Structure formats: structure tokens, C-alpha cells
Amino acid sequence: MSLRSVRKTAENIKKLEIQGAKNIALAAVRSLKKVKEKEYDQAVSLLKASRPTEPMMRNILDYITHKKDEGYSLKEAISFAEKLAEDSGKEVVEVGKEKIFNNYKILTHCHSSTVMNILKKAWAEGKRFEVYACEARPRYQGRITAKELAKTGIPVTLIVDSAARYYMNYFDIVLVGGDAFTAEGYLINKVGTGTIALAAHEAKTDFAVAIELLKYDPATGSGKPEPIEERNPKEVWEKPPKNVKIKNPAFDVTPPEYIDLVITNKGITNPYSIQQMAKEHYPWLVK
């Protein structure tokens, strides 16, 4: 019975009812609060299997194990992990808000709670700017972004993903979140991000990523590639004609040379320095 919350959370993560890497990590940690010690390993396996491209969740769960190995109880370790996830999110917002300036025209893609909180904090502090949001097909997470911004009072325009290049010269900066960074500095984010980064590079528009260092995937340090999740083809076309095949990758890969700056919870850096920063601030993370 105590695994019920874990199974429910894992299912909600699979269905994208919980979105955003930080929100997923926090939901995973909180689902463990009623788990018995003997069920811990099984619970962690269920959560890690819910989505393949979620290193922040995996890292936070590994941090619980790390704290347990240091002698803390499961309850204490969960509390440490929850605080770590919450604090890292707040810290990246404080760093990121300083990169938003008056009269800025900003493009974002998909729905990142980190990006949303940066924009909301900058707006609350009196900065005035406008945002364009890509739809992020096929699940249209960009509509969530547009609704949130509109409720805050931030001027927002929704565009189809393929219109990003058409408008690129209009923007001062592209600001996206991220699901993972590899040891080589590659960004894994919502499919379409790489195309937008290429268009920004062509237009000489700054391309910025706001991301917690906990989204660095230590497995890539030994050469293991970051898995790219293939989602249900029905998300793209529920009843396609006969003989029509559909591919539905959830993420794509943006090379480091198309990333101008990385906004982390420990300061501004470049994609090539992510591994070193993660090792410096979270030595338990880098195997």
C-alpha cells in the first residue's frame, strides 16, 4: 500500500501530467515519504523508469541514496533532497533574472518552470519586456507557457514552431530551459530546440539556457549517450492513414557551439564547463 503514491506519481510522469524537470524531481521525492525502508529500492526503480530523459530526477534520487549511505535515515535523506531541489530552482531564478532587460523581446520554447519563474521574477521587479512562445507540438506545452505569462500580465505572442526562424531577427534573446546537459556540453531539450538554436546562431541572436546543475547527466561522462524518449505516435496523429509511419521524439540535441550562455544556480557559464561545475558543487554526483 505504501508504494501506491510512487506508482501514481510514476504514471503521472509518464503521461506528462507532471511537467518540468524540477517539478518531476520534486514529485518523485515527495512520493517516497510514505515508503518503507525495505521498499525503497523498488520505489526508486519505478520512478527512474517513468521517463528515460530525466537526469535531474535520477540525480535527486541518487542524492537520497548518498545521504542514506552517510548514515541519515530515509526520512532525513528525503528532506535533504527536497530542499536541494527547491533551493537550486530558486537560485537559478535569481541568477537568470539579471539577464532580462527592459524592452527585451524574448523567444522561448516549450514549457519550462525555470524560465517561467525567471520571467515572472523580472516582471515583478519592474522590468518590462515581451515574450514569443512556440507551440511545442505535438503536446502544445507552449500554450501552457502563453497562458501563464498572460495571467501574469506579461505581453505574450504564440507562434507555430516552424515560424521561429521567420521572427528570429526580432528577438534580443532566446531563453529556454533544459532537461539534460551532457559531459560534452550538449543540451537535451524539447524537440525543436536544436532548430531554434541553429536559427538564432544564423541571426546572431543570443541563445541562452536556464538550467540547474542537477540536470547534468553524470552517465554521459563515461561516454554513454543521453537517451532520447520516443513517445506515442498517436500524440502526432491519432488515426493516420494506412502505411503512414510516424516518429515522435520528445527531445532533440543542441550542440554546444550554438549555445551562447548557460544560466545555472551557481552562476553564468558556457556549455563546455557544465561537467566541471557539477563536479565542483556536487562531488557526489560525478562518478
Protein backbone atom coordinates (compact mmCIF):
# COMPACT_ATOMS: atom_id res chain seq x y z
CA MET A 1 0.00 0.00 0.00
CA SER A 2 2.86 2.39 0.74
CA LEU A 3 4.05 2.17 -2.88
CA ARG A 4 0.72 3.46 -4.17
CA SER A 5 1.88 7.08 -4.17
CA VAL A 6 5.06 6.11 -6.00
CA ARG A 7 3.19 4.18 -8.69
CA LYS A 8 0.71 7.01 -9.14
CA THR A 9 3.48 9.57 -9.44
CA ALA A 10 5.39 7.43 -11.94
CA GLU A 11 2.26 7.08 -14.05
CA ASN A 12 1.59 10.83 -13.93
CA ILE A 13 5.17 11.49 -15.05
CA LYS A 14 4.75 9.08 -17.98
CA LYS A 15 1.51 10.77 -19.04
CA LEU A 16 3.08 14.26 -18.80
CA GLU A 17 0.55 15.20 -16.14
CA ILE A 18 3.60 16.36 -14.20
CA GLN A 19 5.82 18.53 -16.39
CA GLY A 20 9.10 20.33 -15.97
CA ALA A 21 12.25 18.56 -14.77
CA LYS A 22 12.28 20.26 -11.36
CA ASN A 23 8.58 19.53 -10.79
CA ILE A 24 9.14 15.92 -11.78
CA ALA A 25 12.10 15.60 -9.41
CA LEU A 26 10.15 17.12 -6.51
CA ALA A 27 7.11 14.94 -7.20
CA ALA A 28 9.33 11.86 -7.23
CA VAL A 29 10.97 12.78 -3.91
CA ARG A 30 7.67 13.60 -2.23
CA SER A 31 6.12 10.32 -3.36
CA LEU A 32 8.75 8.48 -1.30
CA LYS A 33 7.66 9.96 2.03
CA LYS A 34 5.40 7.03 2.94
CA VAL A 35 7.67 4.33 1.53
CA LYS A 36 9.13 1.79 3.95
CA GLU A 37 12.86 1.25 4.06
CA LYS A 38 12.57 -2.26 2.58
CA GLU A 39 10.58 -0.87 -0.36
CA TYR A 40 12.96 1.97 -1.14
CA ASP A 41 14.95 0.29 -3.92
CA GLN A 42 11.80 -0.86 -5.69
CA ALA A 43 10.27 2.61 -5.40
CA VAL A 44 13.35 4.28 -6.88
CA SER A 45 13.39 1.81 -9.77
CA LEU A 46 9.74 2.59 -10.55
CA LEU A 47 10.40 6.32 -10.57
CA LYS A 48 13.58 6.15 -12.65
CA ALA A 49 11.80 4.01 -15.26
CA SER A 50 8.96 6.54 -15.67
CA ARG A 51 10.88 8.69 -18.19
CA PRO A 52 14.32 7.96 -19.66
CA THR A 53 15.39 11.58 -20.24
CA GLU A 54 15.12 12.99 -16.71
CA PRO A 55 18.59 13.18 -15.14
CA MET A 56 17.51 15.70 -12.50
CA MET A 57 15.04 13.20 -11.08
CA ARG A 58 17.67 10.45 -11.19
CA ASN A 59 20.27 12.71 -9.57
CA ILE A 60 17.93 13.77 -6.77
CA LEU A 61 17.02 10.14 -6.10
CA ASP A 62 20.74 9.25 -6.07
CA TYR A 63 21.28 12.08 -3.58
CA ILE A 64 18.82 10.39 -1.22
CA THR A 65 20.85 7.19 -1.51
CA HIS A 66 24.05 9.19 -0.93
CA LYS A 67 22.66 10.74 2.26
CA LYS A 68 21.47 7.33 3.46
CA ASP A 69 24.98 5.98 2.89
CA GLU A 70 26.26 8.82 5.09
CA GLY A 71 24.13 7.45 7.92
CA TYR A 72 20.98 9.55 7.70
CA SER A 73 17.56 7.96 7.97
CA LEU A 74 15.38 7.67 4.88
CA LYS A 75 13.12 10.42 6.21
CA GLU A 76 16.08 12.74 6.79
CA ALA A 77 17.59 11.95 3.37
CA ILE A 78 14.29 12.72 1.63
CA SER A 79 14.12 16.06 3.45
CA PHE A 80 17.68 16.93 2.33
CA ALA A 81 16.84 16.02 -1.28
CA GLU A 82 13.62 18.01 -1.33
CA LYS A 83 15.43 21.10 -0.05
CA LEU A 84 18.24 20.66 -2.58
CA ALA A 85 15.78 20.56 -5.50
CA GLU A 86 13.78 23.53 -4.23
CA ASP A 87 16.83 25.69 -3.46
CA SER A 88 18.55 25.03 -6.80
CA GLY A 89 15.42 26.18 -8.60
CA LYS A 90 15.25 29.40 -6.60
CA GLU A 91 18.95 30.08 -7.12
CA VAL A 92 18.83 29.80 -10.92
CA VAL A 93 15.92 32.27 -10.96
CA GLU A 94 17.98 34.81 -9.01
CA VAL A 95 20.82 34.46 -11.50
CA GLY A 96 18.57 34.42 -14.56
CA LYS A 97 16.50 37.50 -13.78
CA GLU A 98 19.64 39.60 -14.21
CA LYS A 99 19.81 38.62 -17.88
CA ILE A 100 16.36 40.09 -18.60
CA PHE A 101 16.37 43.80 -19.51
CA ASN A 102 13.78 46.47 -20.22
CA ASN A 103 12.30 46.39 -23.72
CA TYR A 104 13.71 42.94 -24.38
CA LYS A 105 11.99 40.76 -26.94
CA ILE A 106 12.34 37.14 -25.86
CA LEU A 107 11.63 33.84 -27.59
CA THR A 108 11.03 30.69 -25.56
CA HIS A 109 10.17 27.13 -26.49
CA CYS A 110 8.03 24.51 -24.73
CA HIS A 111 7.20 24.99 -21.04
CA SER A 112 9.99 25.42 -18.53
CA SER A 113 9.08 26.24 -14.95
CA THR A 114 12.59 27.68 -14.53
CA VAL A 115 12.14 30.06 -17.47
CA MET A 116 8.65 30.99 -16.28
CA ASN A 117 9.92 31.84 -12.81
CA ILE A 118 12.78 33.93 -14.22
CA LEU A 119 10.38 35.94 -16.38
CA LYS A 120 7.84 36.35 -13.57
CA LYS A 121 10.53 37.50 -11.12
CA ALA A 122 11.96 40.01 -13.60
CA TRP A 123 8.46 41.34 -14.32
CA ALA A 124 7.62 41.61 -10.61
CA GLU A 125 10.78 43.68 -10.13
CA GLY A 126 9.57 46.21 -12.68
CA LYS A 127 11.29 45.13 -15.88
CA ARG A 128 9.11 45.40 -18.97
CA PHE A 129 9.54 43.11 -21.97
CA GLU A 130 7.57 40.88 -24.31
CA VAL A 131 7.72 37.17 -25.00
CA TYR A 132 7.04 34.99 -28.01
CA ALA A 133 6.28 31.35 -27.22
CA CYS A 134 6.48 28.45 -29.66
CA GLU A 135 3.61 25.97 -29.53
CA ALA A 136 5.88 22.97 -28.86
CA ARG A 137 3.93 20.45 -30.87
CA PRO A 138 2.58 17.82 -30.64
CA ARG A 139 1.62 18.25 -26.97
CA TYR A 140 1.36 22.06 -27.23
CA GLN A 141 3.20 22.81 -24.00
CA GLY A 142 3.76 26.30 -25.37
CA ARG A 143 0.10 27.04 -24.77
CA ILE A 144 0.71 26.43 -21.06
CA THR A 145 3.55 28.94 -21.23
CA ALA A 146 1.39 31.51 -23.02
CA LYS A 147 -1.46 31.14 -20.51
CA GLU A 148 0.87 31.53 -17.54
CA LEU A 149 2.53 34.62 -18.95
CA ALA A 150 -0.79 36.21 -19.90
CA LYS A 151 -2.15 35.69 -16.39
CA THR A 152 0.92 37.46 -15.02
CA GLY A 153 0.35 40.40 -17.36
CA ILE A 154 3.43 39.78 -19.48
CA PRO A 155 2.77 40.53 -23.18
CA VAL A 156 2.93 37.19 -25.00
CA THR A 157 2.50 36.03 -28.58
CA LEU A 158 2.10 32.37 -29.54
CA ILE A 159 3.66 31.14 -32.79
CA VAL A 160 3.95 27.76 -34.51
CA ASP A 161 7.34 26.13 -34.05
CA SER A 162 8.28 26.47 -37.72
CA ALA A 163 7.84 30.28 -37.54
CA ALA A 164 10.78 30.72 -35.15
CA ARG A 165 13.31 31.39 -37.91
CA TYR A 166 10.94 33.83 -39.63
CA TYR A 167 10.81 36.02 -36.50
CA MET A 168 14.35 35.39 -35.21
CA ASN A 169 15.80 38.79 -36.10
CA TYR A 170 13.08 40.39 -33.96
CA PHE A 171 14.40 38.91 -30.72
CA ASP A 172 17.12 40.08 -28.36
CA ILE A 173 17.50 36.65 -26.79
CA VAL A 174 16.20 33.10 -26.94
CA LEU A 175 15.69 31.70 -23.44
CA VAL A 176 14.89 28.01 -22.96
CA GLY A 177 15.04 25.52 -20.16
CA GLY A 178 16.63 22.12 -20.45
CA ASP A 179 16.08 18.52 -19.48
CA ALA A 180 19.73 17.45 -19.55
CA PHE A 181 23.29 18.51 -20.25
CA THR A 182 25.94 16.00 -21.31
CA ALA A 183 29.60 15.94 -20.34
CA GLU A 184 30.49 17.33 -23.79
CA GLY A 185 28.14 20.30 -23.37
CA TYR A 186 25.24 19.12 -25.49
CA LEU A 187 21.78 20.27 -24.42
CA ILE A 188 18.85 17.87 -24.42
CA ASN A 189 15.53 19.71 -24.56
CA LYS A 190 12.10 19.62 -26.17
CA VAL A 191 12.27 18.62 -29.82
CA GLY A 192 12.63 21.73 -31.97
CA THR A 193 15.14 23.38 -29.64
CA GLY A 194 18.09 22.48 -31.85
CA THR A 195 16.42 24.02 -34.90
CA ILE A 196 15.71 27.22 -32.98
CA ALA A 197 19.30 27.35 -31.73
CA LEU A 198 20.57 26.99 -35.29
CA ALA A 199 18.29 29.83 -36.43
CA ALA A 200 19.50 32.00 -33.53
CA HIS A 201 23.12 31.27 -34.43
CA GLU A 202 22.44 32.27 -38.04
CA ALA A 203 20.76 35.52 -36.93
CA LYS A 204 23.41 36.27 -34.28
CA THR A 205 20.69 36.28 -31.60
CA ASP A 206 21.89 35.14 -28.17
CA PHE A 207 20.73 31.64 -27.28
CA ALA A 208 20.56 31.09 -23.51
CA VAL A 209 19.72 28.04 -21.44
CA ALA A 210 18.43 28.32 -17.87
CA ILE A 211 19.15 25.09 -16.08
CA GLU A 212 20.03 23.67 -12.68
CA LEU A 213 23.40 21.93 -12.47
CA LEU A 214 21.47 18.92 -11.17
CA LYS A 215 20.36 18.35 -14.78
CA TYR A 216 23.87 17.34 -15.74
CA ASP A 217 23.85 13.63 -16.56
CA PRO A 218 26.94 12.01 -14.99
CA ALA A 219 26.41 8.85 -17.05
CA THR A 220 27.50 10.79 -20.15
CA GLY A 221 30.89 11.36 -18.55
CA SER A 222 31.81 7.77 -19.37
CA GLY A 223 30.62 8.06 -22.97
CA LYS A 224 27.05 6.86 -22.50
CA PRO A 225 24.67 8.84 -24.75
CA GLU A 226 21.67 10.60 -23.25
CA PRO A 227 18.56 8.56 -24.18
CA ILE A 228 16.02 10.34 -26.37
CA GLU A 229 12.50 9.34 -25.47
CA GLU A 230 10.22 8.24 -28.31
CA ARG A 231 6.64 9.00 -27.38
CA ASN A 232 3.37 7.51 -28.59
CA PRO A 233 2.79 8.24 -32.33
CA LYS A 234 -0.86 8.93 -31.51
CA GLU A 235 0.24 12.24 -29.98
CA VAL A 236 1.05 13.35 -33.52
CA TRP A 237 -1.84 11.72 -35.41
CA GLU A 238 -4.36 9.60 -33.60
CA LYS A 239 -5.68 7.78 -36.67
CA PRO A 240 -3.19 8.12 -39.53
CA PRO A 241 -3.91 6.68 -42.98
CA LYS A 242 -2.73 3.18 -43.75
CA ASN A 243 1.02 2.87 -44.47
CA VAL A 244 1.83 6.24 -42.86
CA LYS A 245 4.58 5.82 -40.27
CA ILE A 246 5.05 8.36 -37.50
CA LYS A 247 8.10 9.17 -35.42
CA ASN A 248 7.62 11.22 -32.26
CA PRO A 249 10.87 12.05 -30.45
CA ALA A 250 10.23 14.05 -27.28
CA PHE A 251 13.64 15.74 -27.31
CA ASP A 252 16.49 16.74 -29.58
CA VAL A 253 20.16 17.58 -29.13
CA THR A 254 21.60 21.10 -29.38
CA PRO A 255 25.39 21.27 -29.94
CA PRO A 256 27.41 23.48 -27.57
CA GLU A 257 28.59 25.75 -30.37
CA TYR A 258 25.02 27.05 -30.76
CA ILE A 259 24.69 27.91 -27.05
CA ASP A 260 25.90 31.38 -26.06
CA LEU A 261 25.40 31.20 -22.31
CA VAL A 262 24.15 28.84 -19.64
CA ILE A 263 22.35 30.29 -16.63
CA THR A 264 22.84 27.91 -13.70
CA ASN A 265 22.06 28.04 -10.00
CA LYS A 266 25.78 28.65 -9.41
CA GLY A 267 26.27 31.45 -11.94
CA ILE A 268 26.64 32.10 -15.67
CA THR A 269 28.83 29.73 -17.64
CA ASN A 270 29.26 28.11 -21.05
CA PRO A 271 28.15 24.60 -22.05
CA TYR A 272 31.70 23.23 -22.02
CA SER A 273 32.06 23.97 -18.28
CA ILE A 274 28.91 22.20 -17.05
CA GLN A 275 30.67 18.97 -16.10
CA GLN A 276 33.37 20.77 -14.11
CA MET A 277 30.82 22.97 -12.33
CA ALA A 278 28.72 19.94 -11.41
CA LYS A 279 31.82 18.18 -10.07
CA GLU A 280 32.79 21.24 -8.04
CA HIS A 281 29.39 21.85 -6.43
CA TYR A 282 28.04 18.29 -6.25
CA PRO A 283 31.05 15.96 -5.89
CA TRP A 284 28.74 13.05 -5.03
CA LEU A 285 27.10 13.43 -8.46
CA VAL A 286 30.11 12.86 -10.71
CA LYS A 287 31.15 9.26 -10.57
